[in-house]
Amino acid sequence: MSALIGYARPHWRVLLLSLVLTLPASVSGLVQPKFAQAILDRLDDGAGVVAPVALLAAFLVAGALLTGLNACLQQRTSERVVRQVRRGPVHRPIRLPVAELDRRAPGDLIARVTSDSTLLKSAATEGLIMTVYGVLTFAGALFMMATPGCSASPCRCSPWSAS
C-alpha cells in the first residue's frame, strides 16, 4: 500500500480535484430520487411539474458532466502513473548482463512490466477515488434515508402506505 501511495503522491493535486468533483456528482445522484418524488407528488395533486422536471434535468446534466470530467482526469492521471511505474522496470533489464537476459523467456520481462503496471494503474488512481466515492455515497444514502421526506402522514409515493 505504501508503494501504491508513493506512485500516486506526485499526482495529489489532480487526485484531490477528482475527489472534489466526486462530491457534487455523488450529491447529484442522491438528490435525483427526491426530485422524482416531487414530480410524482405534483402529478398526483394536479400541480405543474415544470420546475421539478427542470431541476431534475439540471442535476442529471450536472452529474453527467462532473462524472465525465472526473473520468477524464482519472484516466489521464492513471496513464501518467503507468508511465512512471514502467520507467523503472524497463530501464533495469537494459543494464542486465546478456547472460541473464538469455536465461529468461523472450517476452517474460516485458509481459511482467506491462501487466503489473496496468494493474497498478487501476489501483493507484481509480481505486483510491472510487473507494472514497463509495464511502461518501453510502454515507449520503444513509443520511437521505434517515431524513424524513414526508410529514407525519404516510407518504403517498411509498408502496407500503395505506391507500
C-alpha atoms as a PDB file:
ATOM      1  CA  MET A   1       0.000   0.000   0.000  1.00  0.00           C
ATOM      2  CA  SER A   2       2.867   2.382   0.717  1.00  0.00           C
ATOM      3  CA  ALA A   3       4.268   1.777  -2.777  1.00  0.00           C
ATOM      4  CA  LEU A   4       0.849   2.486  -4.231  1.00  0.00           C
ATOM      5  CA  ILE A   5       0.576   5.745  -2.322  1.00  0.00           C
ATOM      6  CA  GLY A   6       4.136   6.568  -3.361  1.00  0.00           C
ATOM      7  CA  TYR A   7       3.215   6.321  -7.038  1.00  0.00           C
ATOM      8  CA  ALA A   8       0.043   8.370  -6.536  1.00  0.00           C
ATOM      9  CA  ARG A   9       1.676  11.057  -4.337  1.00  0.00           C
ATOM     10  CA  PRO A  10       3.133  13.181  -7.171  1.00  0.00           C
ATOM     11  CA  HIS A  11      -0.380  13.469  -8.599  1.00  0.00           C
ATOM     12  CA  TRP A  12      -2.075  14.504  -5.361  1.00  0.00           C
ATOM     13  CA  ARG A  13      -3.437  17.774  -6.768  1.00  0.00           C
ATOM     14  CA  VAL A  14      -5.259  16.071  -9.626  1.00  0.00           C
ATOM     15  CA  LEU A  15      -6.491  13.317  -7.310  1.00  0.00           C
ATOM     16  CA  LEU A  16      -7.740  15.930  -4.861  1.00  0.00           C
ATOM     17  CA  LEU A  17      -9.540  17.749  -7.683  1.00  0.00           C
ATOM     18  CA  SER A  18     -11.045  14.424  -8.734  1.00  0.00           C
ATOM     19  CA  LEU A  19     -12.209  13.871  -5.182  1.00  0.00           C
ATOM     20  CA  VAL A  20     -13.697  17.379  -5.056  1.00  0.00           C
ATOM     21  CA  LEU A  21     -15.566  16.636  -8.309  1.00  0.00           C
ATOM     22  CA  THR A  22     -16.785  13.367  -6.819  1.00  0.00           C
ATOM     23  CA  LEU A  23     -18.631  15.134  -4.012  1.00  0.00           C
ATOM     24  CA  PRO A  24     -21.122  17.130  -6.123  1.00  0.00           C
ATOM     25  CA  ALA A  25     -21.505  14.216  -8.552  1.00  0.00           C
ATOM     26  CA  SER A  26     -22.447  11.996  -5.617  1.00  0.00           C
ATOM     27  CA  VAL A  27     -24.864  14.591  -4.256  1.00  0.00           C
ATOM     28  CA  SER A  28     -26.404  14.936  -7.710  1.00  0.00           C
ATOM     29  CA  GLY A  29     -27.065  11.217  -7.847  1.00  0.00           C
ATOM     30  CA  LEU A  30     -28.513  11.166  -4.351  1.00  0.00           C
ATOM     31  CA  VAL A  31     -30.990  14.034  -4.807  1.00  0.00           C
ATOM     32  CA  GLN A  32     -32.424  12.806  -8.101  1.00  0.00           C
ATOM     33  CA  PRO A  33     -34.924  10.446  -6.399  1.00  0.00           C
ATOM     34  CA  LYS A  34     -36.161  13.369  -4.273  1.00  0.00           C
ATOM     35  CA  PHE A  35     -36.962  15.341  -7.423  1.00  0.00           C
ATOM     36  CA  ALA A  36     -38.627  12.296  -8.968  1.00  0.00           C
ATOM     37  CA  GLN A  37     -40.738  12.019  -5.820  1.00  0.00           C
ATOM     38  CA  ALA A  38     -41.671  15.698  -6.085  1.00  0.00           C
ATOM     39  CA  ILE A  39     -42.699  15.198  -9.706  1.00  0.00           C
ATOM     40  CA  LEU A  40     -44.901  12.235  -8.773  1.00  0.00           C
ATOM     41  CA  ASP A  41     -46.446  14.162  -5.868  1.00  0.00           C
ATOM     42  CA  ARG A  42     -47.220  17.137  -8.122  1.00  0.00           C
ATOM     43  CA  LEU A  43     -48.713  14.874 -10.769  1.00  0.00           C
ATOM     44  CA  ASP A  44     -50.920  13.317  -8.096  1.00  0.00           C
ATOM     45  CA  ASP A  45     -52.019  16.766  -6.898  1.00  0.00           C
ATOM     46  CA  GLY A  46     -52.564  18.066 -10.421  1.00  0.00           C
ATOM     47  CA  ALA A  47     -49.946  20.783  -9.932  1.00  0.00           C
ATOM     48  CA  GLY A  48     -47.395  21.868 -12.525  1.00  0.00           C
ATOM     49  CA  VAL A  49     -44.266  19.775 -12.909  1.00  0.00           C
ATOM     50  CA  VAL A  50     -42.121  22.141 -14.967  1.00  0.00           C
ATOM     51  CA  ALA A  51     -39.923  23.316 -12.064  1.00  0.00           C
ATOM     52  CA  PRO A  52     -39.151  19.853 -10.616  1.00  0.00           C
ATOM     53  CA  VAL A  53     -38.536  18.408 -14.084  1.00  0.00           C
ATOM     54  CA  ALA A  54     -36.180  21.288 -14.895  1.00  0.00           C
ATOM     55  CA  LEU A  55     -34.302  20.779 -11.613  1.00  0.00           C
ATOM     56  CA  LEU A  56     -34.117  17.029 -12.193  1.00  0.00           C
ATOM     57  CA  ALA A  57     -32.765  17.623 -15.706  1.00  0.00           C
ATOM     58  CA  ALA A  58     -30.214  20.121 -14.365  1.00  0.00           C
ATOM     59  CA  PHE A  59     -28.996  17.658 -11.744  1.00  0.00           C
ATOM     60  CA  LEU A  60     -28.815  14.865 -14.338  1.00  0.00           C
ATOM     61  CA  VAL A  61     -26.765  17.000 -16.737  1.00  0.00           C
ATOM     62  CA  ALA A  62     -24.536  18.377 -13.972  1.00  0.00           C
ATOM     63  CA  GLY A  63     -23.940  14.898 -12.589  1.00  0.00           C
ATOM     64  CA  ALA A  64     -23.087  13.539 -16.032  1.00  0.00           C
ATOM     65  CA  LEU A  65     -20.692  16.422 -16.779  1.00  0.00           C
ATOM     66  CA  LEU A  66     -18.951  16.104 -13.420  1.00  0.00           C
ATOM     67  CA  THR A  67     -18.662  12.345 -13.773  1.00  0.00           C
ATOM     68  CA  GLY A  68     -17.251  12.710 -17.297  1.00  0.00           C
ATOM     69  CA  LEU A  69     -14.709  15.312 -16.243  1.00  0.00           C
ATOM     70  CA  ASN A  70     -13.766  13.167 -13.273  1.00  0.00           C
ATOM     71  CA  ALA A  71     -13.291  10.111 -15.507  1.00  0.00           C
ATOM     72  CA  CYS A  72     -11.096  12.144 -17.868  1.00  0.00           C
ATOM     73  CA  LEU A  73      -8.905  13.358 -15.002  1.00  0.00           C
ATOM     74  CA  GLN A  74      -8.606   9.854 -13.574  1.00  0.00           C
ATOM     75  CA  GLN A  75      -7.699   8.318 -16.930  1.00  0.00           C
ATOM     76  CA  ARG A  76      -5.037  10.936 -17.621  1.00  0.00           C
ATOM     77  CA  THR A  77      -3.575  10.554 -14.151  1.00  0.00           C
ATOM     78  CA  SER A  78      -3.640   6.768 -14.294  1.00  0.00           C
ATOM     79  CA  GLU A  79      -1.749   6.803 -17.603  1.00  0.00           C
ATOM     80  CA  ARG A  80       0.871   9.063 -16.030  1.00  0.00           C
ATOM     81  CA  VAL A  81       1.199   6.659 -13.108  1.00  0.00           C
ATOM     82  CA  VAL A  82       1.683   3.767 -15.551  1.00  0.00           C
ATOM     83  CA  ARG A  83       4.403   5.697 -17.376  1.00  0.00           C
ATOM     84  CA  GLN A  84       6.098   6.422 -14.072  1.00  0.00           C
ATOM     85  CA  VAL A  85       5.867   2.782 -12.974  1.00  0.00           C
ATOM     86  CA  ARG A  86       7.158   1.411 -16.273  1.00  0.00           C
ATOM     87  CA  ARG A  87      10.239   3.597 -16.335  1.00  0.00           C
ATOM     88  CA  GLY A  88      11.981   1.694 -13.555  1.00  0.00           C
ATOM     89  CA  PRO A  89      11.433  -1.901 -14.726  1.00  0.00           C
ATOM     90  CA  VAL A  90      12.129  -1.047 -18.356  1.00  0.00           C
ATOM     91  CA  HIS A  91      15.484   0.582 -17.593  1.00  0.00           C
ATOM     92  CA  ARG A  92      16.558  -2.237 -15.277  1.00  0.00           C
ATOM     93  CA  PRO A  93      16.723  -5.036 -17.929  1.00  0.00           C
ATOM     94  CA  ILE A  94      18.809  -2.803 -20.159  1.00  0.00           C
ATOM     95  CA  ARG A  95      21.567  -2.857 -17.533  1.00  0.00           C
ATOM     96  CA  LEU A  96      21.431  -6.647 -17.009  1.00  0.00           C
ATOM     97  CA  PRO A  97      24.224  -8.827 -18.353  1.00  0.00           C
ATOM     98  CA  VAL A  98      23.451 -10.584 -21.645  1.00  0.00           C
ATOM     99  CA  ALA A  99      23.786 -13.990 -19.946  1.00  0.00           C
ATOM    100  CA  GLU A 100      20.973 -13.094 -17.534  1.00  0.00           C
ATOM    101  CA  LEU A 101      18.729 -11.995 -20.366  1.00  0.00           C
ATOM    102  CA  ASP A 102      19.421 -15.225 -22.279  1.00  0.00           C
ATOM    103  CA  ARG A 103      18.121 -17.314 -19.351  1.00  0.00           C
ATOM    104  CA  ARG A 104      14.715 -15.598 -19.424  1.00  0.00           C
ATOM    105  CA  ALA A 105      11.890 -16.241 -21.855  1.00  0.00           C
ATOM    106  CA  PRO A 106      11.863 -13.647 -24.663  1.00  0.00           C
ATOM    107  CA  GLY A 107       8.706 -11.810 -23.674  1.00  0.00           C
ATOM    108  CA  ASP A 108       8.673 -12.596 -19.955  1.00  0.00           C
ATOM    109  CA  LEU A 109      10.175  -9.342 -18.716  1.00  0.00           C
ATOM    110  CA  ILE A 110       8.101  -7.139 -20.993  1.00  0.00           C
ATOM    111  CA  ALA A 111       4.884  -9.015 -20.182  1.00  0.00           C
ATOM    112  CA  ARG A 112       5.573  -8.658 -16.486  1.00  0.00           C
ATOM    113  CA  VAL A 113       6.248  -4.932 -16.790  1.00  0.00           C
ATOM    114  CA  THR A 114       3.120  -4.234 -18.836  1.00  0.00           C
ATOM    115  CA  SER A 115       0.678  -6.376 -16.858  1.00  0.00           C
ATOM    116  CA  ASP A 116       1.894  -5.294 -13.424  1.00  0.00           C
ATOM    117  CA  SER A 117       1.866  -1.619 -14.307  1.00  0.00           C
ATOM    118  CA  THR A 118      -1.611  -1.857 -15.830  1.00  0.00           C
ATOM    119  CA  LEU A 119      -2.961  -3.402 -12.633  1.00  0.00           C
ATOM    120  CA  LEU A 120      -1.259  -0.706 -10.618  1.00  0.00           C
ATOM    121  CA  LYS A 121      -2.869   1.936 -12.843  1.00  0.00           C
ATOM    122  CA  SER A 122      -6.329   0.913 -11.720  1.00  0.00           C
ATOM    123  CA  ALA A 123      -5.395   0.686  -8.068  1.00  0.00           C
ATOM    124  CA  ALA A 124      -3.377   3.898  -7.852  1.00  0.00           C
ATOM    125  CA  THR A 125      -5.966   6.286  -9.186  1.00  0.00           C
ATOM    126  CA  GLU A 126      -9.380   4.831  -9.906  1.00  0.00           C
ATOM    127  CA  GLY A 127      -9.300   2.547  -6.881  1.00  0.00           C
ATOM    128  CA  LEU A 128      -8.486   5.320  -4.439  1.00  0.00           C
ATOM    129  CA  ILE A 129     -11.113   7.703  -5.789  1.00  0.00           C
ATOM    130  CA  MET A 130     -13.805   5.032  -6.153  1.00  0.00           C
ATOM    131  CA  THR A 131     -13.241   3.911  -2.563  1.00  0.00           C
ATOM    132  CA  VAL A 132     -13.819   7.435  -1.307  1.00  0.00           C
ATOM    133  CA  TYR A 133     -16.765   7.863  -3.698  1.00  0.00           C
ATOM    134  CA  GLY A 134     -18.345   4.652  -2.398  1.00  0.00           C
ATOM    135  CA  VAL A 135     -17.954   5.688   1.222  1.00  0.00           C
ATOM    136  CA  LEU A 136     -19.396   9.151   0.560  1.00  0.00           C
ATOM    137  CA  THR A 137     -22.307   7.773  -1.446  1.00  0.00           C
ATOM    138  CA  PHE A 138     -23.059   5.217   1.259  1.00  0.00           C
ATOM    139  CA  ALA A 139     -22.981   7.896   3.962  1.00  0.00           C
ATOM    140  CA  GLY A 140     -25.143  10.204   1.861  1.00  0.00           C
ATOM    141  CA  ALA A 141     -27.658   7.433   1.173  1.00  0.00           C
ATOM    142  CA  LEU A 142     -27.871   6.648   4.878  1.00  0.00           C
ATOM    143  CA  PHE A 143     -28.418  10.325   5.607  1.00  0.00           C
ATOM    144  CA  MET A 144     -31.110  10.583   2.938  1.00  0.00           C
ATOM    145  CA  MET A 145     -32.893   7.523   4.311  1.00  0.00           C
ATOM    146  CA  ALA A 146     -32.718   8.838   7.873  1.00  0.00           C
ATOM    147  CA  THR A 147     -34.071  12.256   6.898  1.00  0.00           C
ATOM    148  CA  PRO A 148     -37.860  12.253   6.908  1.00  0.00           C
ATOM    149  CA  GLY A 149     -39.087  13.205   3.467  1.00  0.00           C
ATOM    150  CA  CYS A 150     -42.750  13.472   4.386  1.00  0.00           C
ATOM    151  CA  SER A 151     -44.882  14.921   7.122  1.00  0.00           C
ATOM    152  CA  ALA A 152     -46.476  12.870   9.890  1.00  0.00           C
ATOM    153  CA  SER A 153     -48.984  11.334   7.473  1.00  0.00           C
ATOM    154  CA  PRO A 154     -47.830   8.373   5.348  1.00  0.00           C
ATOM    155  CA  CYS A 155     -46.108   9.203   2.080  1.00  0.00           C
ATOM    156  CA  ARG A 156     -48.300   8.880  -0.982  1.00  0.00           C
ATOM    157  CA  CYS A 157     -45.346   7.743  -3.055  1.00  0.00           C
ATOM    158  CA  SER A 158     -44.469   4.844  -0.773  1.00  0.00           C
ATOM    159  CA  PRO A 159     -45.625   1.416  -1.998  1.00  0.00           C
ATOM    160  CA  TRP A 160     -46.157   0.367   1.647  1.00  0.00           C
ATOM    161  CA  SER A 161     -48.500   3.179   2.617  1.00  0.00           C
ATOM    162  CA  ALA A 162     -52.167   2.511   3.225  1.00  0.00           C
ATOM    163  CA  SER A 163     -54.394   3.655   0.395  1.00  0.00           C
END
